Amino acid sequence: MTDQPISVSIPEGYSSIPLGDVVAHTDLLHAIGGGEGARPDSVSFLSAITTLLESLVANGTRYCGVGAHLLPDGDPLYSCLTVTVTDAVGGPRNPRLVLADLVQSRSADDTLKLSTLVETDTHPVLFTEKVGSVIPRQHGENPATPAVYQLQAIVPSEDGNSLVAIEFSTPDANRGIACRKMIADMARSVVFRLPATSSLDL
């Protein structure tokens, strides 16, 4: 985790989930979990979501949001968006070498999936796209394993010291690719300082 300040434009349609102080938002979490008289499974949900938020913060996540976007076909697409800032391995160096090392390490452990290194007008970006799966809650003997479309954009700082990872996930695996441009625009908007703009400073 790093204290590197950044700015990034969050697309319209997302509602932020509070990350700063999980304890301070217990009322919100209780409301989501069903309140004081919650069923045991709601209490488990509350515990799980609290643990998840604490884990996100510990791993350098600066933003987490859920959103709904109306696609041209007329149906909404629901998704989750996170922005994480971490230290890059290797210290100051060319940001393209940082991304090249990421490609090499992910190739070695078979987590590269479909990846593209793109030179934007602001900085190089590594895009990784895949359709994965999540472990479902147990409802019956043979629960279906839902597919999840995931798109990640990794942006290195100019000195190669820091990385911003923008991660987009949706359970609509067939229509998720419609948001490629949105994530690409987000990646282009990343600035490794605090500019005087209306963007979200993280």
C-alpha atoms as a PDB file:
ATOM      1  CA  MET A   1       0.000   0.000   0.000  1.00  0.00           C
ATOM      2  CA  THR A   2       1.161   3.550  -0.718  1.00  0.00           C
ATOM      3  CA  ASP A   3       0.186   7.070   0.278  1.00  0.00           C
ATOM      4  CA  GLN A   4       0.685   8.283  -3.308  1.00  0.00           C
ATOM      5  CA  PRO A   5      -2.124  10.814  -4.002  1.00  0.00           C
ATOM      6  CA  ILE A   6      -3.988  10.424  -7.279  1.00  0.00           C
ATOM      7  CA  SER A   7      -6.943  11.873  -9.119  1.00  0.00           C
ATOM      8  CA  VAL A   8      -9.316   9.865 -11.314  1.00  0.00           C
ATOM      9  CA  SER A   9     -12.647  10.594 -12.968  1.00  0.00           C
ATOM     10  CA  ILE A  10     -15.356   8.238 -11.683  1.00  0.00           C
ATOM     11  CA  PRO A  11     -18.058   7.669 -14.331  1.00  0.00           C
ATOM     12  CA  GLU A  12     -21.608   8.806 -13.667  1.00  0.00           C
ATOM     13  CA  GLY A  13     -23.930   6.078 -12.470  1.00  0.00           C
ATOM     14  CA  TYR A  14     -21.804   4.814  -9.571  1.00  0.00           C
ATOM     15  CA  SER A  15     -22.645   5.089  -5.873  1.00  0.00           C
ATOM     16  CA  SER A  16     -19.652   5.027  -3.564  1.00  0.00           C
ATOM     17  CA  ILE A  17     -19.401   2.449  -0.783  1.00  0.00           C
ATOM     18  CA  PRO A  18     -17.749   4.028   2.297  1.00  0.00           C
ATOM     19  CA  LEU A  19     -14.260   2.658   2.888  1.00  0.00           C
ATOM     20  CA  GLY A  20     -12.466   5.116   5.157  1.00  0.00           C
ATOM     21  CA  ASP A  21     -13.716   3.924   8.539  1.00  0.00           C
ATOM     22  CA  VAL A  22     -15.771   0.743   8.383  1.00  0.00           C
ATOM     23  CA  VAL A  23     -16.718   1.015  12.064  1.00  0.00           C
ATOM     24  CA  ALA A  24     -18.195   4.469  11.502  1.00  0.00           C
ATOM     25  CA  HIS A  25     -20.645   3.030   8.968  1.00  0.00           C
ATOM     26  CA  THR A  26     -22.091   0.182  11.015  1.00  0.00           C
ATOM     27  CA  ASP A  27     -25.581   1.736  10.810  1.00  0.00           C
ATOM     28  CA  LEU A  28     -25.448   1.540   7.013  1.00  0.00           C
ATOM     29  CA  LEU A  29     -24.132  -2.012   7.112  1.00  0.00           C
ATOM     30  CA  HIS A  30     -26.849  -3.021   9.589  1.00  0.00           C
ATOM     31  CA  ALA A  31     -29.470  -1.522   7.283  1.00  0.00           C
ATOM     32  CA  ILE A  32     -28.085  -3.532   4.383  1.00  0.00           C
ATOM     33  CA  GLY A  33     -27.939  -6.641   6.554  1.00  0.00           C
ATOM     34  CA  GLY A  34     -31.519  -6.319   7.801  1.00  0.00           C
ATOM     35  CA  GLY A  35     -31.288  -4.247  10.979  1.00  0.00           C
ATOM     36  CA  GLU A  36     -31.268  -5.258  14.637  1.00  0.00           C
ATOM     37  CA  GLY A  37     -33.654  -8.201  14.226  1.00  0.00           C
ATOM     38  CA  ALA A  38     -31.721  -9.669  11.337  1.00  0.00           C
ATOM     39  CA  ARG A  39     -31.833 -13.377  10.574  1.00  0.00           C
ATOM     40  CA  PRO A  40     -28.637 -15.379  11.215  1.00  0.00           C
ATOM     41  CA  ASP A  41     -27.768 -15.353   7.507  1.00  0.00           C
ATOM     42  CA  SER A  42     -28.134 -11.532   7.482  1.00  0.00           C
ATOM     43  CA  VAL A  43     -25.720 -11.310  10.396  1.00  0.00           C
ATOM     44  CA  SER A  44     -23.303 -13.489   8.427  1.00  0.00           C
ATOM     45  CA  PHE A  45     -23.715 -11.136   5.464  1.00  0.00           C
ATOM     46  CA  LEU A  46     -22.963  -8.148   7.696  1.00  0.00           C
ATOM     47  CA  SER A  47     -19.822  -9.825   8.989  1.00  0.00           C
ATOM     48  CA  ALA A  48     -18.739 -10.798   5.460  1.00  0.00           C
ATOM     49  CA  ILE A  49     -19.243  -7.326   3.991  1.00  0.00           C
ATOM     50  CA  THR A  50     -17.371  -5.726   6.917  1.00  0.00           C
ATOM     51  CA  THR A  51     -14.470  -8.133   6.426  1.00  0.00           C
ATOM     52  CA  LEU A  52     -14.497  -7.444   2.682  1.00  0.00           C
ATOM     53  CA  LEU A  53     -14.349  -3.664   3.155  1.00  0.00           C
ATOM     54  CA  GLU A  54     -11.542  -3.953   5.692  1.00  0.00           C
ATOM     55  CA  SER A  55      -9.639  -6.195   3.275  1.00  0.00           C
ATOM     56  CA  LEU A  56     -10.086  -3.707   0.428  1.00  0.00           C
ATOM     57  CA  VAL A  57      -8.714  -0.868   2.551  1.00  0.00           C
ATOM     58  CA  ALA A  58      -5.767  -2.992   3.721  1.00  0.00           C
ATOM     59  CA  ASN A  59      -4.895  -3.734   0.080  1.00  0.00           C
ATOM     60  CA  GLY A  60      -4.830  -0.080  -0.976  1.00  0.00           C
ATOM     61  CA  THR A  61      -8.328   0.355  -2.390  1.00  0.00           C
ATOM     62  CA  ARG A  62      -9.257   4.047  -2.483  1.00  0.00           C
ATOM     63  CA  TYR A  63     -12.682   3.736  -4.113  1.00  0.00           C
ATOM     64  CA  CYS A  64     -15.381   1.094  -4.326  1.00  0.00           C
ATOM     65  CA  GLY A  65     -18.720   1.695  -5.980  1.00  0.00           C
ATOM     66  CA  VAL A  66     -21.734  -0.081  -7.416  1.00  0.00           C
ATOM     67  CA  GLY A  67     -23.477   1.175 -10.515  1.00  0.00           C
ATOM     68  CA  ALA A  68     -26.225   0.698 -13.061  1.00  0.00           C
ATOM     69  CA  HIS A  69     -25.845   1.849 -16.663  1.00  0.00           C
ATOM     70  CA  LEU A  70     -28.466   1.727 -19.371  1.00  0.00           C
ATOM     71  CA  LEU A  71     -27.031   0.105 -22.493  1.00  0.00           C
ATOM     72  CA  PRO A  72     -28.237   0.761 -26.061  1.00  0.00           C
ATOM     73  CA  ASP A  73     -30.335  -2.416 -25.946  1.00  0.00           C
ATOM     74  CA  GLY A  74     -32.498  -0.735 -23.304  1.00  0.00           C
ATOM     75  CA  ASP A  75     -31.558  -2.977 -20.364  1.00  0.00           C
ATOM     76  CA  PRO A  76     -29.448  -1.865 -17.367  1.00  0.00           C
ATOM     77  CA  LEU A  77     -26.005  -3.313 -16.682  1.00  0.00           C
ATOM     78  CA  TYR A  78     -25.104  -3.656 -12.992  1.00  0.00           C
ATOM     79  CA  SER A  79     -21.465  -3.582 -11.981  1.00  0.00           C
ATOM     80  CA  CYS A  80     -18.886  -3.035  -9.259  1.00  0.00           C
ATOM     81  CA  LEU A  81     -15.930  -0.663  -9.664  1.00  0.00           C
ATOM     82  CA  THR A  82     -12.785  -0.369  -7.549  1.00  0.00           C
ATOM     83  CA  VAL A  83      -9.707   1.855  -7.731  1.00  0.00           C
ATOM     84  CA  THR A  84      -6.604   0.603  -5.926  1.00  0.00           C
ATOM     85  CA  VAL A  85      -3.215   2.298  -5.507  1.00  0.00           C
ATOM     86  CA  THR A  86      -0.127   0.202  -4.716  1.00  0.00           C
ATOM     87  CA  ASP A  87       3.652   0.413  -4.792  1.00  0.00           C
ATOM     88  CA  ALA A  88       5.289  -1.045  -7.891  1.00  0.00           C
ATOM     89  CA  VAL A  89       8.040  -3.613  -7.456  1.00  0.00           C
ATOM     90  CA  GLY A  90      11.534  -2.510  -8.401  1.00  0.00           C
ATOM     91  CA  GLY A  91      11.671   1.157  -7.487  1.00  0.00           C
ATOM     92  CA  PRO A  92      11.954   4.090  -9.900  1.00  0.00           C
ATOM     93  CA  ARG A  93      12.206   3.031 -13.564  1.00  0.00           C
ATOM     94  CA  ASN A  94      10.522   3.287 -16.934  1.00  0.00           C
ATOM     95  CA  PRO A  95       6.769   2.682 -16.465  1.00  0.00           C
ATOM     96  CA  ARG A  96       6.710   0.508 -19.595  1.00  0.00           C
ATOM     97  CA  LEU A  97       9.188  -1.862 -17.945  1.00  0.00           C
ATOM     98  CA  VAL A  98       6.880  -2.058 -14.913  1.00  0.00           C
ATOM     99  CA  LEU A  99       3.992  -3.160 -17.142  1.00  0.00           C
ATOM    100  CA  ALA A 100       6.232  -5.554 -19.088  1.00  0.00           C
ATOM    101  CA  ASP A 101       7.218  -7.247 -15.810  1.00  0.00           C
ATOM    102  CA  LEU A 102       3.539  -7.558 -14.883  1.00  0.00           C
ATOM    103  CA  VAL A 103       2.815  -9.249 -18.202  1.00  0.00           C
ATOM    104  CA  GLN A 104       5.730 -11.645 -17.674  1.00  0.00           C
ATOM    105  CA  SER A 105       4.759 -12.556 -14.102  1.00  0.00           C
ATOM    106  CA  ARG A 106       1.102 -13.063 -15.013  1.00  0.00           C
ATOM    107  CA  SER A 107       2.093 -15.222 -17.958  1.00  0.00           C
ATOM    108  CA  ALA A 108       4.177 -17.366 -15.639  1.00  0.00           C
ATOM    109  CA  ASP A 109       1.341 -17.966 -13.159  1.00  0.00           C
ATOM    110  CA  ASP A 110      -1.348 -18.253 -15.873  1.00  0.00           C
ATOM    111  CA  THR A 111      -3.360 -15.203 -14.735  1.00  0.00           C
ATOM    112  CA  LEU A 112      -2.676 -13.058 -17.781  1.00  0.00           C
ATOM    113  CA  LYS A 113      -5.844 -14.005 -19.717  1.00  0.00           C
ATOM    114  CA  LEU A 114      -6.640 -11.601 -22.596  1.00  0.00           C
ATOM    115  CA  SER A 115      -4.255  -8.654 -22.195  1.00  0.00           C
ATOM    116  CA  THR A 116      -3.299  -5.625 -24.234  1.00  0.00           C
ATOM    117  CA  LEU A 117      -0.647  -2.988 -23.601  1.00  0.00           C
ATOM    118  CA  VAL A 118      -1.906   0.348 -24.941  1.00  0.00           C
ATOM    119  CA  GLU A 119      -0.082   3.658 -25.352  1.00  0.00           C
ATOM    120  CA  THR A 120      -2.704   6.316 -24.611  1.00  0.00           C
ATOM    121  CA  ASP A 121      -2.218  10.056 -25.019  1.00  0.00           C
ATOM    122  CA  THR A 122      -1.507  10.305 -21.283  1.00  0.00           C
ATOM    123  CA  HIS A 123       0.398   7.124 -20.293  1.00  0.00           C
ATOM    124  CA  PRO A 124       0.806   3.411 -21.050  1.00  0.00           C
ATOM    125  CA  VAL A 125      -1.994   1.180 -19.760  1.00  0.00           C
ATOM    126  CA  LEU A 126      -2.202  -2.590 -19.364  1.00  0.00           C
ATOM    127  CA  PHE A 127      -5.746  -3.872 -19.975  1.00  0.00           C
ATOM    128  CA  THR A 128      -6.668  -7.382 -18.850  1.00  0.00           C
ATOM    129  CA  GLU A 129     -10.012  -8.961 -19.612  1.00  0.00           C
ATOM    130  CA  LYS A 130     -11.487 -12.277 -18.535  1.00  0.00           C
ATOM    131  CA  VAL A 131     -14.662 -14.134 -17.680  1.00  0.00           C
ATOM    132  CA  GLY A 132     -14.264 -15.779 -14.297  1.00  0.00           C
ATOM    133  CA  SER A 133     -16.612 -17.171 -11.697  1.00  0.00           C
ATOM    134  CA  VAL A 134     -17.588 -16.583  -8.102  1.00  0.00           C
ATOM    135  CA  ILE A 135     -18.364 -19.066  -5.360  1.00  0.00           C
ATOM    136  CA  PRO A 136     -22.144 -18.894  -4.826  1.00  0.00           C
ATOM    137  CA  ARG A 137     -23.922 -18.994  -1.502  1.00  0.00           C
ATOM    138  CA  GLN A 138     -25.010 -22.546  -0.802  1.00  0.00           C
ATOM    139  CA  HIS A 139     -28.704 -22.938  -1.701  1.00  0.00           C
ATOM    140  CA  GLY A 140     -29.197 -26.597  -2.444  1.00  0.00           C
ATOM    141  CA  GLU A 141     -26.874 -29.402  -3.296  1.00  0.00           C
ATOM    142  CA  ASN A 142     -25.630 -28.259  -6.719  1.00  0.00           C
ATOM    143  CA  PRO A 143     -25.690 -24.450  -6.905  1.00  0.00           C
ATOM    144  CA  ALA A 144     -24.805 -22.953 -10.258  1.00  0.00           C
ATOM    145  CA  THR A 145     -21.505 -21.083 -10.481  1.00  0.00           C
ATOM    146  CA  PRO A 146     -22.278 -17.663 -11.967  1.00  0.00           C
ATOM    147  CA  ALA A 147     -19.930 -16.187 -14.553  1.00  0.00           C
ATOM    148  CA  VAL A 148     -18.425 -12.757 -13.939  1.00  0.00           C
ATOM    149  CA  TYR A 149     -16.958 -10.455 -16.587  1.00  0.00           C
ATOM    150  CA  GLN A 150     -13.878  -8.623 -15.294  1.00  0.00           C
ATOM    151  CA  LEU A 151     -11.903  -5.833 -16.922  1.00  0.00           C
ATOM    152  CA  GLN A 152      -8.799  -4.365 -15.295  1.00  0.00           C
ATOM    153  CA  ALA A 153      -6.767  -1.335 -16.349  1.00  0.00           C
ATOM    154  CA  ILE A 154      -3.359  -0.809 -14.718  1.00  0.00           C
ATOM    155  CA  VAL A 155      -1.735   2.612 -14.947  1.00  0.00           C
ATOM    156  CA  PRO A 156       1.882   3.180 -13.794  1.00  0.00           C
ATOM    157  CA  SER A 157       3.180   6.496 -12.510  1.00  0.00           C
ATOM    158  CA  GLU A 158       5.753   8.362 -14.611  1.00  0.00           C
ATOM    159  CA  ASP A 159       8.550   7.338 -12.241  1.00  0.00           C
ATOM    160  CA  GLY A 160       7.420   3.706 -12.140  1.00  0.00           C
ATOM    161  CA  ASN A 161       7.007   3.790  -8.348  1.00  0.00           C
ATOM    162  CA  SER A 162       3.211   3.426  -8.126  1.00  0.00           C
ATOM    163  CA  LEU A 163       0.391   1.587  -9.851  1.00  0.00           C
ATOM    164  CA  VAL A 164      -3.291   2.381 -10.121  1.00  0.00           C
ATOM    165  CA  ALA A 165      -5.536  -0.619 -10.788  1.00  0.00           C
ATOM    166  CA  ILE A 166      -9.061   0.090 -12.017  1.00  0.00           C
ATOM    167  CA  GLU A 167     -11.228  -3.021 -11.805  1.00  0.00           C
ATOM    168  CA  PHE A 168     -14.678  -3.390 -13.334  1.00  0.00           C
ATOM    169  CA  SER A 169     -16.812  -6.477 -12.637  1.00  0.00           C
ATOM    170  CA  THR A 170     -20.326  -7.428 -13.691  1.00  0.00           C
ATOM    171  CA  PRO A 171     -22.381 -10.617 -13.454  1.00  0.00           C
ATOM    172  CA  ASP A 172     -23.605  -9.905 -16.997  1.00  0.00           C
ATOM    173  CA  ALA A 173     -20.735 -11.716 -18.705  1.00  0.00           C
ATOM    174  CA  ASN A 174     -22.172 -11.307 -22.199  1.00  0.00           C
ATOM    175  CA  ARG A 175     -22.717  -7.530 -22.104  1.00  0.00           C
ATOM    176  CA  GLY A 176     -19.807  -6.399 -19.944  1.00  0.00           C
ATOM    177  CA  ILE A 177     -17.623  -5.571 -22.944  1.00  0.00           C
ATOM    178  CA  ALA A 178     -19.937  -2.611 -23.618  1.00  0.00           C
ATOM    179  CA  CYS A 179     -18.089  -0.767 -20.822  1.00  0.00           C
ATOM    180  CA  ARG A 180     -14.599  -1.092 -22.304  1.00  0.00           C
ATOM    181  CA  LYS A 181     -14.529   2.544 -23.424  1.00  0.00           C
ATOM    182  CA  MET A 182     -15.721   3.748 -20.018  1.00  0.00           C
ATOM    183  CA  ILE A 183     -12.823   1.996 -18.284  1.00  0.00           C
ATOM    184  CA  ALA A 184     -10.358   3.154 -20.935  1.00  0.00           C
ATOM    185  CA  ASP A 185     -11.494   6.760 -20.348  1.00  0.00           C
ATOM    186  CA  MET A 186     -11.023   6.275 -16.612  1.00  0.00           C
ATOM    187  CA  ALA A 187      -7.495   4.987 -17.164  1.00  0.00           C
ATOM    188  CA  ARG A 188      -6.666   8.012 -19.324  1.00  0.00           C
ATOM    189  CA  SER A 189      -7.949  10.334 -16.573  1.00  0.00           C
ATOM    190  CA  VAL A 190      -5.546   9.058 -13.886  1.00  0.00           C
ATOM    191  CA  VAL A 191      -3.149  11.706 -12.583  1.00  0.00           C
ATOM    192  CA  PHE A 192      -0.498  10.977  -9.946  1.00  0.00           C
ATOM    193  CA  ARG A 193      -0.929  14.233  -8.046  1.00  0.00           C
ATOM    194  CA  LEU A 194      -3.767  16.350  -6.750  1.00  0.00           C
ATOM    195  CA  PRO A 195      -4.872  18.638  -9.597  1.00  0.00           C
ATOM    196  CA  ALA A 196      -7.410  21.411  -9.129  1.00  0.00           C
ATOM    197  CA  THR A 197     -10.161  19.656 -11.048  1.00  0.00           C
ATOM    198  CA  SER A 198     -13.599  18.259 -10.366  1.00  0.00           C
ATOM    199  CA  SER A 199     -12.282  14.712 -10.594  1.00  0.00           C
ATOM    200  CA  LEU A 200     -12.322  12.467  -7.558  1.00  0.00           C
ATOM    201  CA  ASP A 201      -9.139  12.940  -5.530  1.00  0.00           C
ATOM    202  CA  LEU A 202      -8.149   9.656  -3.901  1.00  0.00           C
END
